[in-house]
Amino acid sequence: MVDADGCCALLREISPQGYTQMVDFDGIDGWAPLLGDALEVCISTSVATRINAAQPRCVEDALEMLFELVDRDRVIDAALAWIRSTSVFGYHGTRLSDAELLSIRASGLIPLLAEARRDRLERALSAHPRWSDAKYDLDEAIRIHGQGNRAGRREGQVHLTLSRYALTNRFNHYLTHGAEFDQHVAHALLGQEGEDMLRRDGKSRIVTIAVPGSAALDAAHRYFTIDDVRAMGDVPNVVNEFLKAWGLRLSRADFQCRTLKVDCGMVFRSAIPPKWIVAIDTLAG
């Protein structure tokens, strides 16, 4: 189910345990009442009234005020429990040929393997007039950007992001050029012209994934556990984004969190199974 802005609305999926809520961060109209219900045990109506009256200017102010009025740990505990009871939508932007699209439908999203990017890179770059020379450097470029971790470690990972709106309106280079690994290799071989060649290969696709809440929380904490983050005085990822948006919604009934263009990543080190895939959309351009 897709709304007028291209955002997937809240859905329910039959599972052996019954109904599982599937929550799209961009669709606050659907999830805000559900999170509100989950927080009733620690947030009274008077708290909501005081936040509404204060009219906080931004999501950070709203969350700070909320934590001043209630028990911070109880709110985080309740929000964590709610996330774990849902499936959270994550989005993967890329460029795929039709054959690659069918492969994802059959096998899911596979962690990046540098050597496996060779076919796409050769296909995309071979039309460049300097490819006859550049191709001899392809092996080394794949090695140093893969196992060599030049320009960041990406091999063995699958990346999703929490907001589809941010993916299409803030960091859309995945949709225009494909995997970031491909972009770095293409630039190493042929400069900006190499990157531009990637735009001509495949079609812009967004893969929508329904990630079980516990898996989403784990994937959003690559370097520190949730307990580590809380011990440092911070709010866990994913929960932080939902609580901030929910807090501001208390004072602004028309607030839409997709306008924040939130960049909240989830990193998986094993394949994302096909059964988690909700949709694969092909975009114009």
Protein backbone atom coordinates (compact mmCIF):
# COMPACT_ATOMS: atom_id res chain seq x y z
CA MET A 1 0.00 0.00 0.00
CA VAL A 2 1.62 3.30 -1.13
CA ASP A 3 0.46 6.79 -0.29
CA ALA A 4 0.45 9.85 -2.53
CA ASP A 5 4.04 10.71 -1.64
CA GLY A 6 5.34 7.28 -2.57
CA CYS A 7 5.74 6.20 1.06
CA CYS A 8 4.54 2.78 2.15
CA ALA A 9 1.79 3.10 4.74
CA LEU A 10 1.52 0.94 7.83
CA LEU A 11 0.68 -2.63 6.88
CA ARG A 12 -0.18 -5.81 8.76
CA GLU A 13 1.21 -9.17 7.78
CA ILE A 14 -0.14 -12.56 8.81
CA SER A 15 2.47 -14.62 10.64
CA PRO A 16 2.31 -17.89 12.62
CA GLN A 17 2.13 -15.76 15.77
CA GLY A 18 -0.75 -13.64 14.46
CA TYR A 19 -0.59 -10.08 13.16
CA THR A 20 2.76 -8.30 12.97
CA GLN A 21 2.77 -4.54 12.57
CA MET A 22 4.98 -3.32 9.73
CA VAL A 23 5.98 0.27 10.36
CA ASP A 24 7.26 2.83 7.87
CA PHE A 25 9.13 5.66 9.59
CA ASP A 26 8.06 8.14 6.90
CA GLY A 27 4.39 7.34 7.58
CA ILE A 28 3.97 8.97 11.00
CA ASP A 29 0.18 9.16 10.63
CA GLY A 30 0.13 5.38 10.87
CA TRP A 31 2.65 4.67 13.61
CA ALA A 32 2.37 7.65 15.99
CA PRO A 33 -0.83 6.37 17.66
CA LEU A 34 0.72 2.91 18.07
CA LEU A 35 3.86 4.27 19.71
CA GLY A 36 1.66 6.50 21.85
CA ASP A 37 -0.22 3.46 23.09
CA ALA A 38 3.07 1.74 23.94
CA LEU A 39 4.26 4.79 25.91
CA GLU A 40 1.07 5.23 27.93
CA VAL A 41 2.61 3.27 30.79
CA CYS A 42 5.17 6.02 31.37
CA ILE A 43 3.77 9.19 29.77
CA SER A 44 0.60 10.79 31.11
CA THR A 45 -1.77 12.97 29.15
CA SER A 46 -0.60 15.95 31.21
CA VAL A 47 2.92 15.49 29.85
CA ALA A 48 1.62 15.54 26.29
CA THR A 49 -0.38 18.67 27.11
CA ARG A 50 2.69 20.45 28.50
CA ILE A 51 4.77 19.61 25.43
CA ASN A 52 1.97 20.80 23.19
CA ALA A 53 1.77 24.08 25.10
CA ALA A 54 5.55 24.60 24.95
CA GLN A 55 5.60 24.31 21.15
CA PRO A 56 9.19 23.00 20.80
CA ARG A 57 10.89 24.26 17.65
CA CYS A 58 12.56 21.04 16.52
CA VAL A 59 12.66 17.31 17.17
CA GLU A 60 15.69 17.60 19.45
CA ASP A 61 13.92 20.17 21.64
CA ALA A 62 10.82 17.99 21.82
CA LEU A 63 12.78 14.94 22.97
CA GLU A 64 14.79 16.95 25.50
CA MET A 65 11.59 18.30 27.02
CA LEU A 66 10.02 14.85 27.09
CA PHE A 67 12.97 13.45 29.02
CA GLU A 68 12.78 16.35 31.48
CA LEU A 69 9.16 15.49 32.30
CA VAL A 70 9.28 11.68 32.51
CA ASP A 71 11.57 8.81 33.47
CA ARG A 72 14.00 8.65 30.54
CA ASP A 73 14.89 4.98 30.98
CA ARG A 74 11.25 3.89 31.19
CA VAL A 75 10.45 5.70 27.95
CA ILE A 76 13.43 4.15 26.15
CA ASP A 77 12.55 0.70 27.52
CA ALA A 78 8.96 1.02 26.31
CA ALA A 79 10.03 2.30 22.89
CA LEU A 80 12.55 -0.54 22.51
CA ALA A 81 9.86 -3.08 23.38
CA TRP A 82 7.53 -1.53 20.80
CA ILE A 83 10.16 -1.61 18.05
CA ARG A 84 10.91 -5.25 18.86
CA SER A 85 7.22 -6.08 18.50
CA THR A 86 7.09 -4.71 14.94
CA SER A 87 8.76 -5.06 11.59
CA VAL A 88 10.43 -1.82 10.50
CA PHE A 89 10.73 -0.85 6.86
CA GLY A 90 14.28 -0.41 5.57
CA TYR A 91 15.16 0.83 2.09
CA HIS A 92 17.98 -0.14 -0.26
CA GLY A 93 18.67 2.07 -3.25
CA THR A 94 20.58 0.78 -6.24
CA ARG A 95 20.71 0.38 -10.02
CA LEU A 96 19.85 -3.05 -11.36
CA SER A 97 19.46 -4.71 -14.71
CA ASP A 98 16.30 -6.77 -15.17
CA ALA A 99 18.32 -9.96 -14.64
CA GLU A 100 19.78 -8.60 -11.38
CA LEU A 101 16.27 -7.69 -10.26
CA LEU A 102 15.12 -11.29 -10.76
CA SER A 103 18.17 -12.52 -8.83
CA ILE A 104 17.25 -10.37 -5.82
CA ARG A 105 13.68 -11.60 -5.90
CA ALA A 106 14.98 -15.17 -5.83
CA SER A 107 17.94 -14.89 -3.46
CA GLY A 108 17.42 -11.69 -1.49
CA LEU A 109 20.00 -8.96 -0.96
CA ILE A 110 23.47 -10.50 -0.79
CA PRO A 111 26.38 -8.87 1.11
CA LEU A 112 28.74 -7.06 -1.22
CA LEU A 113 31.56 -9.17 -2.62
CA ALA A 114 34.07 -6.99 -4.46
CA GLU A 115 34.94 -9.53 -7.13
CA ALA A 116 31.25 -10.06 -7.88
CA ARG A 117 30.99 -6.43 -8.98
CA ARG A 118 33.30 -7.08 -11.95
CA ASP A 119 30.55 -7.90 -14.46
CA ARG A 120 28.61 -4.74 -13.71
CA LEU A 121 31.72 -2.56 -13.81
CA GLU A 122 32.87 -3.99 -17.13
CA ARG A 123 29.38 -3.69 -18.58
CA ALA A 124 29.04 -0.07 -17.50
CA LEU A 125 32.55 1.17 -18.29
CA SER A 126 33.44 -0.74 -21.45
CA ALA A 127 31.86 1.87 -23.73
CA HIS A 128 34.28 4.54 -22.53
CA PRO A 129 36.92 5.43 -25.18
CA ARG A 130 39.76 4.89 -22.68
CA TRP A 131 38.50 1.53 -21.44
CA SER A 132 40.99 -0.41 -23.55
CA ASP A 133 43.73 1.00 -21.29
CA ALA A 134 41.80 1.36 -18.03
CA LYS A 135 40.63 -2.26 -17.99
CA TYR A 136 44.14 -3.44 -17.08
CA ASP A 137 43.83 -1.60 -13.76
CA LEU A 138 40.44 -3.12 -12.90
CA ASP A 139 41.82 -6.03 -10.86
CA GLU A 140 43.85 -3.74 -8.62
CA ALA A 141 41.01 -1.24 -8.24
CA ILE A 142 38.65 -4.01 -7.15
CA ARG A 143 41.23 -5.34 -4.70
CA ILE A 144 42.10 -2.07 -2.99
CA HIS A 145 38.48 -0.93 -2.71
CA GLY A 146 37.34 -4.38 -1.55
CA GLN A 147 39.69 -6.23 0.75
CA GLY A 148 41.92 -3.16 0.91
CA ASN A 149 39.06 -1.09 2.38
CA ARG A 150 40.08 2.06 0.52
CA ALA A 151 37.40 4.75 0.86
CA GLY A 152 35.68 2.73 3.59
CA ARG A 153 34.86 -0.87 4.47
CA ARG A 154 31.90 -2.21 2.46
CA GLU A 155 32.69 -5.81 1.58
CA GLY A 156 30.52 -8.38 3.33
CA GLN A 157 27.77 -5.87 4.11
CA VAL A 158 24.22 -5.02 3.02
CA HIS A 159 23.05 -1.47 3.80
CA LEU A 160 19.50 -0.25 4.38
CA THR A 161 18.24 3.13 5.50
CA LEU A 162 15.19 4.03 7.60
CA SER A 163 13.68 6.75 5.41
CA ARG A 164 12.69 6.29 1.79
CA TYR A 165 12.16 10.03 1.46
CA ALA A 166 15.75 10.69 2.55
CA LEU A 167 17.04 8.05 0.13
CA THR A 168 15.30 9.73 -2.81
CA ASN A 169 15.76 13.37 -1.76
CA ARG A 170 18.97 13.60 0.29
CA PHE A 171 21.45 10.86 -0.67
CA ASN A 172 20.14 9.56 -3.98
CA HIS A 173 23.53 8.74 -5.55
CA TYR A 174 22.79 5.05 -4.98
CA LEU A 175 19.78 5.43 -7.26
CA THR A 176 21.64 7.38 -9.93
CA HIS A 177 24.90 5.40 -9.92
CA GLY A 178 24.39 2.15 -8.00
CA ALA A 179 26.61 0.66 -5.30
CA GLU A 180 29.02 3.10 -3.66
CA PHE A 181 31.76 0.52 -4.20
CA ASP A 182 31.15 0.73 -7.96
CA GLN A 183 31.34 4.51 -7.82
CA HIS A 184 34.75 4.47 -6.13
CA VAL A 185 36.18 1.90 -8.55
CA ALA A 186 34.79 3.72 -11.60
CA HIS A 187 36.30 7.00 -10.39
CA ALA A 188 39.66 5.36 -9.70
CA LEU A 189 39.76 4.04 -13.26
CA LEU A 190 38.23 6.84 -15.32
CA GLY A 191 37.62 9.79 -13.00
CA GLN A 192 34.30 11.61 -13.08
CA GLU A 193 33.65 10.28 -16.58
CA GLY A 194 33.76 6.76 -15.14
CA GLU A 195 31.18 7.62 -12.51
CA ASP A 196 29.00 9.19 -15.19
CA MET A 197 29.09 5.92 -17.14
CA LEU A 198 27.40 4.15 -14.24
CA ARG A 199 24.31 6.30 -14.74
CA ARG A 200 23.68 4.58 -18.07
CA ASP A 201 23.73 1.05 -16.69
CA GLY A 202 20.66 -0.59 -15.18
CA LYS A 203 17.55 1.06 -13.84
CA SER A 204 17.01 2.99 -10.63
CA ARG A 205 15.38 0.68 -8.05
CA ILE A 206 14.29 0.91 -4.43
CA VAL A 207 14.04 -2.36 -2.51
CA THR A 208 11.65 -2.15 0.45
CA ILE A 209 12.48 -4.57 3.26
CA ALA A 210 10.33 -5.44 6.29
CA VAL A 211 12.99 -5.98 8.95
CA PRO A 212 11.98 -7.68 12.22
CA GLY A 213 12.33 -5.03 14.92
CA SER A 214 15.04 -6.79 16.90
CA ALA A 215 17.10 -7.30 13.75
CA ALA A 216 16.66 -3.62 12.83
CA LEU A 217 17.95 -2.53 16.24
CA ASP A 218 20.95 -4.85 16.03
CA ALA A 219 21.80 -3.70 12.49
CA ALA A 220 21.61 -0.04 13.50
CA HIS A 221 24.33 -0.54 16.13
CA ARG A 222 27.44 -1.54 14.18
CA TYR A 223 30.09 -0.53 16.69
CA PHE A 224 28.39 -0.27 20.08
CA THR A 225 25.58 -2.33 21.58
CA ILE A 226 22.34 -0.76 22.74
CA ASP A 227 23.51 -1.12 26.35
CA ASP A 228 26.80 0.59 25.46
CA VAL A 229 24.96 3.48 23.81
CA ARG A 230 22.69 3.93 26.82
CA ALA A 231 25.63 3.78 29.22
CA MET A 232 27.18 6.69 27.29
CA GLY A 233 23.99 8.70 27.88
CA ASP A 234 22.68 8.43 24.33
CA VAL A 235 19.41 7.11 22.93
CA PRO A 236 19.69 3.93 20.82
CA ASN A 237 19.46 4.34 17.06
CA VAL A 238 16.06 3.81 15.43
CA VAL A 239 14.38 4.42 18.81
CA ASN A 240 15.97 7.87 18.82
CA GLU A 241 14.48 8.72 15.43
CA PHE A 242 11.00 7.51 16.34
CA LEU A 243 10.93 9.23 19.76
CA LYS A 244 12.14 12.56 18.41
CA ALA A 245 9.53 12.60 15.66
CA TRP A 246 6.77 11.42 18.01
CA GLY A 247 7.65 14.13 20.55
CA LEU A 248 7.35 16.92 18.00
CA ARG A 249 4.12 15.44 16.69
CA LEU A 250 2.62 16.09 20.15
CA SER A 251 2.84 19.83 19.51
CA ARG A 252 2.38 19.89 15.74
CA ALA A 253 -0.43 17.72 14.48
CA ASP A 254 0.57 18.38 10.87
CA PHE A 255 4.25 17.43 11.33
CA GLN A 256 5.51 14.86 8.81
CA CYS A 257 8.77 13.18 9.81
CA ARG A 258 9.74 12.33 6.22
CA THR A 259 10.63 16.02 5.83
CA LEU A 260 13.55 15.45 8.24
CA LYS A 261 15.31 13.32 5.58
CA VAL A 262 16.69 11.13 8.34
CA ASP A 263 19.88 9.19 7.62
CA CYS A 264 19.66 6.19 9.94
CA GLY A 265 21.49 3.18 8.53
CA MET A 266 21.14 -0.53 9.17
CA VAL A 267 24.06 -2.79 8.24
CA PHE A 268 23.66 -6.55 7.77
CA ARG A 269 26.53 -9.00 7.45
CA SER A 270 24.46 -11.86 6.08
CA ALA A 271 21.95 -12.06 3.23
CA ILE A 272 18.58 -10.38 3.65
CA PRO A 273 16.12 -13.16 2.76
CA PRO A 274 13.58 -12.81 -0.07
CA LYS A 275 10.69 -13.26 2.38
CA TRP A 276 11.57 -9.90 3.95
CA ILE A 277 11.20 -8.10 0.60
CA VAL A 278 7.95 -6.11 0.45
CA ALA A 279 8.47 -4.45 -2.92
CA ILE A 280 11.03 -3.51 -5.56
CA ASP A 281 10.11 -0.26 -7.25
CA THR A 282 11.59 0.95 -10.54
CA LEU A 283 11.94 4.73 -10.68
CA ALA A 284 12.15 7.01 -13.67
CA GLY A 285 15.65 8.12 -14.61
